[in-house]
Amino acid sequence: MAAENEQRGRAALAVEADVTRPEQVNAWVANAEAQWGRVDIRVNHAGILRDRSFARMSLADFRFVLDVHLMGAVHCTQAVWNGMRERGYRRIVLTTSSSGV
């Protein structure tokens, strides 16, 4: 996706990070801030699918889904929050998966 944006003349930064690990998310945000000076918008859209019904899902799988979907959004939001708050400009979008429906 970053390469596609760059081909269209847009700035892009591809970063691989595990949203369940706050230290990786913080490094990711620091990298973006180093390149562009600030983060103005955060879209939380991380998710993982465990293609099983609730009755068949192990507790470990259920915890992992929560860690990615819920805590991943918390870690990513927290990583950008202070900078956005200091600038008085916050745009945070949270999405969810329709897989649970």
N, C-alpha and C. Protein backbone atom coordinates (compact mmCIF):
# COMPACT_ATOMS: atom_id res chain seq x y z
N MET A 1 0.81 -1.18 0.00
CA MET A 1 0.00 0.00 0.00
C MET A 1 0.87 1.27 0.00
N ALA A 2 1.96 1.27 0.76
CA ALA A 2 2.85 2.42 0.78
C ALA A 2 3.42 2.67 -0.62
N ALA A 3 3.80 1.61 -1.30
CA ALA A 3 4.36 1.75 -2.65
C ALA A 3 3.33 2.34 -3.61
N GLU A 4 2.08 1.92 -3.48
CA GLU A 4 1.01 2.46 -4.33
C GLU A 4 0.84 3.95 -4.09
N ASN A 5 0.86 4.37 -2.83
CA ASN A 5 0.73 5.79 -2.51
C ASN A 5 1.90 6.58 -3.08
N GLU A 6 3.10 6.06 -2.94
CA GLU A 6 4.27 6.75 -3.46
C GLU A 6 4.21 6.89 -4.98
N GLN A 7 3.69 5.86 -5.67
CA GLN A 7 3.54 5.93 -7.12
C GLN A 7 2.56 7.03 -7.52
N ARG A 8 1.64 7.34 -6.65
CA ARG A 8 0.66 8.41 -6.91
C ARG A 8 1.16 9.77 -6.44
N GLY A 9 2.42 9.83 -6.02
CA GLY A 9 3.00 11.09 -5.59
C GLY A 9 2.68 11.48 -4.16
N ARG A 10 2.21 10.54 -3.38
CA ARG A 10 1.89 10.80 -1.98
C ARG A 10 2.99 10.25 -1.08
N ALA A 11 3.17 10.89 0.05
CA ALA A 11 4.15 10.39 1.03
C ALA A 11 3.58 9.16 1.71
N ALA A 12 4.45 8.20 1.99
CA ALA A 12 4.00 6.98 2.63
C ALA A 12 5.12 6.41 3.49
N LEU A 13 4.73 5.71 4.52
CA LEU A 13 5.69 5.06 5.40
C LEU A 13 5.12 3.69 5.75
N ALA A 14 5.79 2.65 5.30
CA ALA A 14 5.36 1.29 5.61
C ALA A 14 6.08 0.82 6.86
N VAL A 15 5.33 0.39 7.83
CA VAL A 15 5.91 -0.07 9.10
C VAL A 15 5.22 -1.36 9.49
N GLU A 16 6.01 -2.34 9.87
CA GLU A 16 5.45 -3.58 10.37
C GLU A 16 5.56 -3.56 11.89
N ALA A 17 4.43 -3.71 12.55
CA ALA A 17 4.42 -3.70 14.01
C ALA A 17 3.28 -4.56 14.52
N ASP A 18 3.45 -5.11 15.69
CA ASP A 18 2.45 -5.91 16.37
C ASP A 18 1.70 -4.99 17.33
N VAL A 19 0.42 -4.73 17.06
CA VAL A 19 -0.35 -3.78 17.88
C VAL A 19 -0.59 -4.27 19.30
N THR A 20 -0.29 -5.53 19.57
CA THR A 20 -0.42 -6.02 20.94
C THR A 20 0.82 -5.70 21.77
N ARG A 21 1.84 -5.12 21.13
CA ARG A 21 3.10 -4.80 21.81
C ARG A 21 3.31 -3.29 21.80
N PRO A 22 3.00 -2.62 22.91
CA PRO A 22 3.08 -1.16 22.95
C PRO A 22 4.44 -0.60 22.55
N GLU A 23 5.52 -1.30 22.86
CA GLU A 23 6.84 -0.78 22.50
C GLU A 23 7.01 -0.71 20.99
N GLN A 24 6.43 -1.66 20.25
CA GLN A 24 6.50 -1.62 18.80
C GLN A 24 5.63 -0.49 18.25
N VAL A 25 4.46 -0.29 18.83
CA VAL A 25 3.57 0.79 18.40
C VAL A 25 4.23 2.14 18.67
N ASN A 26 4.83 2.30 19.85
CA ASN A 26 5.50 3.56 20.18
C ASN A 26 6.65 3.85 19.21
N ALA A 27 7.40 2.82 18.84
CA ALA A 27 8.49 2.99 17.88
C ALA A 27 7.93 3.38 16.51
N TRP A 28 6.84 2.81 16.14
CA TRP A 28 6.17 3.10 14.87
C TRP A 28 5.76 4.57 14.83
N VAL A 29 5.14 5.05 15.90
CA VAL A 29 4.71 6.45 15.97
C VAL A 29 5.94 7.37 15.97
N ALA A 30 6.96 7.02 16.72
CA ALA A 30 8.18 7.84 16.75
C ALA A 30 8.79 7.94 15.35
N ASN A 31 8.76 6.86 14.59
CA ASN A 31 9.26 6.84 13.23
C ASN A 31 8.46 7.80 12.34
N ALA A 32 7.14 7.76 12.46
CA ALA A 32 6.28 8.66 11.68
C ALA A 32 6.52 10.11 12.07
N GLU A 33 6.65 10.37 13.38
CA GLU A 33 6.90 11.74 13.84
C GLU A 33 8.27 12.24 13.38
N ALA A 34 9.25 11.36 13.34
CA ALA A 34 10.58 11.74 12.86
C ALA A 34 10.53 12.10 11.38
N GLN A 35 9.71 11.39 10.61
CA GLN A 35 9.62 11.65 9.17
C GLN A 35 8.78 12.87 8.85
N TRP A 36 7.65 13.05 9.56
CA TRP A 36 6.72 14.12 9.21
C TRP A 36 6.52 15.18 10.30
N GLY A 37 7.12 14.99 11.45
CA GLY A 37 7.02 15.99 12.51
C GLY A 37 5.87 15.81 13.46
N ARG A 38 4.81 15.17 13.04
CA ARG A 38 3.65 14.96 13.92
C ARG A 38 2.70 13.94 13.30
N VAL A 39 1.79 13.47 14.12
CA VAL A 39 0.71 12.61 13.66
C VAL A 39 -0.58 13.36 13.92
N ASP A 40 -1.35 13.60 12.87
CA ASP A 40 -2.61 14.35 13.01
C ASP A 40 -3.83 13.45 13.05
N ILE A 41 -3.75 12.30 12.42
CA ILE A 41 -4.91 11.42 12.32
C ILE A 41 -4.46 10.00 12.61
N ARG A 42 -5.26 9.29 13.38
CA ARG A 42 -5.00 7.87 13.67
C ARG A 42 -6.25 7.09 13.34
N VAL A 43 -6.12 6.09 12.48
CA VAL A 43 -7.22 5.19 12.16
C VAL A 43 -6.85 3.82 12.72
N ASN A 44 -7.63 3.35 13.67
CA ASN A 44 -7.41 2.03 14.26
C ASN A 44 -8.26 1.02 13.49
N HIS A 45 -7.57 0.17 12.74
CA HIS A 45 -8.27 -0.80 11.92
C HIS A 45 -7.58 -2.17 11.97
N ALA A 46 -6.90 -2.44 13.06
CA ALA A 46 -6.24 -3.74 13.19
C ALA A 46 -7.27 -4.80 13.56
N GLY A 47 -7.09 -5.97 13.05
CA GLY A 47 -7.99 -7.06 13.39
C GLY A 47 -7.38 -8.40 13.03
N ILE A 48 -7.94 -9.41 13.63
CA ILE A 48 -7.51 -10.78 13.35
C ILE A 48 -8.75 -11.66 13.39
N LEU A 49 -8.78 -12.63 12.55
CA LEU A 49 -9.94 -13.52 12.47
C LEU A 49 -9.58 -14.90 12.99
N ARG A 50 -10.37 -15.38 13.89
CA ARG A 50 -10.31 -16.77 14.33
C ARG A 50 -11.63 -17.37 13.89
N ASP A 51 -11.60 -18.09 12.80
CA ASP A 51 -12.81 -18.54 12.13
C ASP A 51 -13.46 -19.71 12.87
N ARG A 52 -13.91 -19.40 14.07
CA ARG A 52 -14.61 -20.40 14.89
C ARG A 52 -15.74 -19.72 15.62
N SER A 53 -16.76 -20.47 15.93
CA SER A 53 -17.84 -19.90 16.74
C SER A 53 -17.35 -19.73 18.17
N PHE A 54 -18.05 -18.93 18.93
CA PHE A 54 -17.68 -18.70 20.31
C PHE A 54 -17.58 -20.02 21.08
N ALA A 55 -18.49 -20.92 20.83
CA ALA A 55 -18.52 -22.21 21.54
C ALA A 55 -17.29 -23.05 21.22
N ARG A 56 -16.69 -22.85 20.06
CA ARG A 56 -15.53 -23.65 19.65
C ARG A 56 -14.20 -22.93 19.83
N MET A 57 -14.24 -21.68 20.23
CA MET A 57 -13.02 -20.90 20.36
C MET A 57 -12.39 -21.16 21.72
N SER A 58 -11.08 -21.38 21.71
CA SER A 58 -10.38 -21.56 22.98
C SER A 58 -10.27 -20.21 23.69
N LEU A 59 -10.07 -20.27 24.98
CA LEU A 59 -9.89 -19.05 25.75
C LEU A 59 -8.66 -18.28 25.28
N ALA A 60 -7.61 -19.00 24.92
CA ALA A 60 -6.39 -18.34 24.42
C ALA A 60 -6.68 -17.58 23.12
N ASP A 61 -7.44 -18.19 22.21
CA ASP A 61 -7.80 -17.50 20.97
C ASP A 61 -8.66 -16.28 21.25
N PHE A 62 -9.61 -16.41 22.17
CA PHE A 62 -10.49 -15.31 22.51
C PHE A 62 -9.67 -14.14 23.09
N ARG A 63 -8.73 -14.45 23.96
CA ARG A 63 -7.86 -13.40 24.53
C ARG A 63 -7.04 -12.72 23.44
N PHE A 64 -6.54 -13.50 22.50
CA PHE A 64 -5.74 -12.93 21.43
C PHE A 64 -6.57 -11.98 20.56
N VAL A 65 -7.81 -12.37 20.24
CA VAL A 65 -8.71 -11.51 19.48
C VAL A 65 -8.93 -10.20 20.24
N LEU A 66 -9.17 -10.27 21.54
CA LEU A 66 -9.33 -9.06 22.35
C LEU A 66 -8.06 -8.23 22.37
N ASP A 67 -6.92 -8.88 22.49
CA ASP A 67 -5.64 -8.16 22.51
C ASP A 67 -5.43 -7.37 21.21
N VAL A 68 -5.75 -7.98 20.09
CA VAL A 68 -5.55 -7.31 18.81
C VAL A 68 -6.61 -6.23 18.60
N HIS A 69 -7.88 -6.59 18.70
CA HIS A 69 -8.96 -5.66 18.38
C HIS A 69 -9.10 -4.54 19.41
N LEU A 70 -9.14 -4.88 20.66
CA LEU A 70 -9.38 -3.89 21.71
C LEU A 70 -8.09 -3.24 22.20
N MET A 71 -7.18 -4.03 22.71
CA MET A 71 -5.96 -3.46 23.26
C MET A 71 -5.07 -2.87 22.17
N GLY A 72 -5.12 -3.43 20.96
CA GLY A 72 -4.37 -2.84 19.86
C GLY A 72 -4.83 -1.41 19.60
N ALA A 73 -6.14 -1.18 19.63
CA ALA A 73 -6.67 0.17 19.46
C ALA A 73 -6.24 1.07 20.61
N VAL A 74 -6.23 0.53 21.82
CA VAL A 74 -5.79 1.31 22.99
C VAL A 74 -4.32 1.69 22.84
N HIS A 75 -3.47 0.73 22.51
CA HIS A 75 -2.03 1.00 22.38
C HIS A 75 -1.76 2.05 21.29
N CYS A 76 -2.43 1.91 20.16
CA CYS A 76 -2.20 2.85 19.06
C CYS A 76 -2.72 4.25 19.40
N THR A 77 -3.87 4.32 20.04
CA THR A 77 -4.42 5.61 20.42
C THR A 77 -3.56 6.28 21.47
N GLN A 78 -3.13 5.51 22.44
CA GLN A 78 -2.29 6.05 23.51
C GLN A 78 -0.97 6.59 22.95
N ALA A 79 -0.43 5.92 21.95
CA ALA A 79 0.86 6.32 21.37
C ALA A 79 0.80 7.70 20.71
N VAL A 80 -0.35 8.08 20.19
CA VAL A 80 -0.47 9.38 19.51
C VAL A 80 -1.17 10.44 20.35
N TRP A 81 -1.79 10.03 21.42
CA TRP A 81 -2.69 10.91 22.19
C TRP A 81 -2.01 12.18 22.70
N ASN A 82 -0.89 12.06 23.38
CA ASN A 82 -0.28 13.25 23.99
C ASN A 82 0.12 14.29 22.96
N GLY A 83 0.71 13.86 21.86
CA GLY A 83 1.09 14.81 20.82
C GLY A 83 -0.13 15.51 20.23
N MET A 84 -1.18 14.76 19.99
CA MET A 84 -2.40 15.35 19.46
C MET A 84 -3.02 16.32 20.46
N ARG A 85 -3.01 15.92 21.70
CA ARG A 85 -3.59 16.76 22.76
C ARG A 85 -2.81 18.07 22.90
N GLU A 86 -1.49 17.98 22.88
CA GLU A 86 -0.66 19.18 23.00
C GLU A 86 -0.92 20.16 21.87
N ARG A 87 -1.16 19.66 20.67
CA ARG A 87 -1.43 20.52 19.52
C ARG A 87 -2.89 20.96 19.45
N GLY A 88 -3.73 20.38 20.30
CA GLY A 88 -5.15 20.74 20.29
C GLY A 88 -5.87 20.24 19.05
N TYR A 89 -5.34 19.19 18.44
CA TYR A 89 -5.93 18.64 17.23
C TYR A 89 -5.90 17.13 17.31
N ARG A 90 -7.09 16.53 17.40
CA ARG A 90 -7.18 15.08 17.51
C ARG A 90 -8.22 14.57 16.54
N ARG A 91 -7.82 13.63 15.71
CA ARG A 91 -8.74 12.93 14.83
C ARG A 91 -8.41 11.46 14.95
N ILE A 92 -9.27 10.73 15.64
CA ILE A 92 -9.06 9.30 15.85
C ILE A 92 -10.30 8.56 15.39
N VAL A 93 -10.10 7.59 14.51
CA VAL A 93 -11.19 6.80 13.97
C VAL A 93 -11.00 5.36 14.45
N LEU A 94 -12.05 4.79 15.01
CA LEU A 94 -12.02 3.40 15.45
C LEU A 94 -13.00 2.61 14.60
N THR A 95 -12.53 1.50 14.05
CA THR A 95 -13.41 0.63 13.28
C THR A 95 -13.51 -0.70 13.99
N THR A 96 -14.47 -1.49 13.58
CA THR A 96 -14.60 -2.82 14.15
C THR A 96 -14.91 -3.80 13.03
N SER A 97 -14.76 -5.04 13.34
CA SER A 97 -14.98 -6.09 12.35
C SER A 97 -16.43 -6.56 12.38
N SER A 98 -16.92 -6.88 11.22
CA SER A 98 -18.27 -7.45 11.15
C SER A 98 -18.24 -8.97 11.34
N SER A 99 -17.06 -9.53 11.54
CA SER A 99 -16.93 -10.99 11.68
C SER A 99 -17.68 -11.52 12.89
N GLY A 100 -17.81 -10.71 13.93
CA GLY A 100 -18.49 -11.18 15.12
C GLY A 100 -20.00 -11.23 14.99
N VAL A 101 -20.52 -10.63 13.93
CA VAL A 101 -21.97 -10.56 13.77
C VAL A 101 -22.53 -11.88 13.41
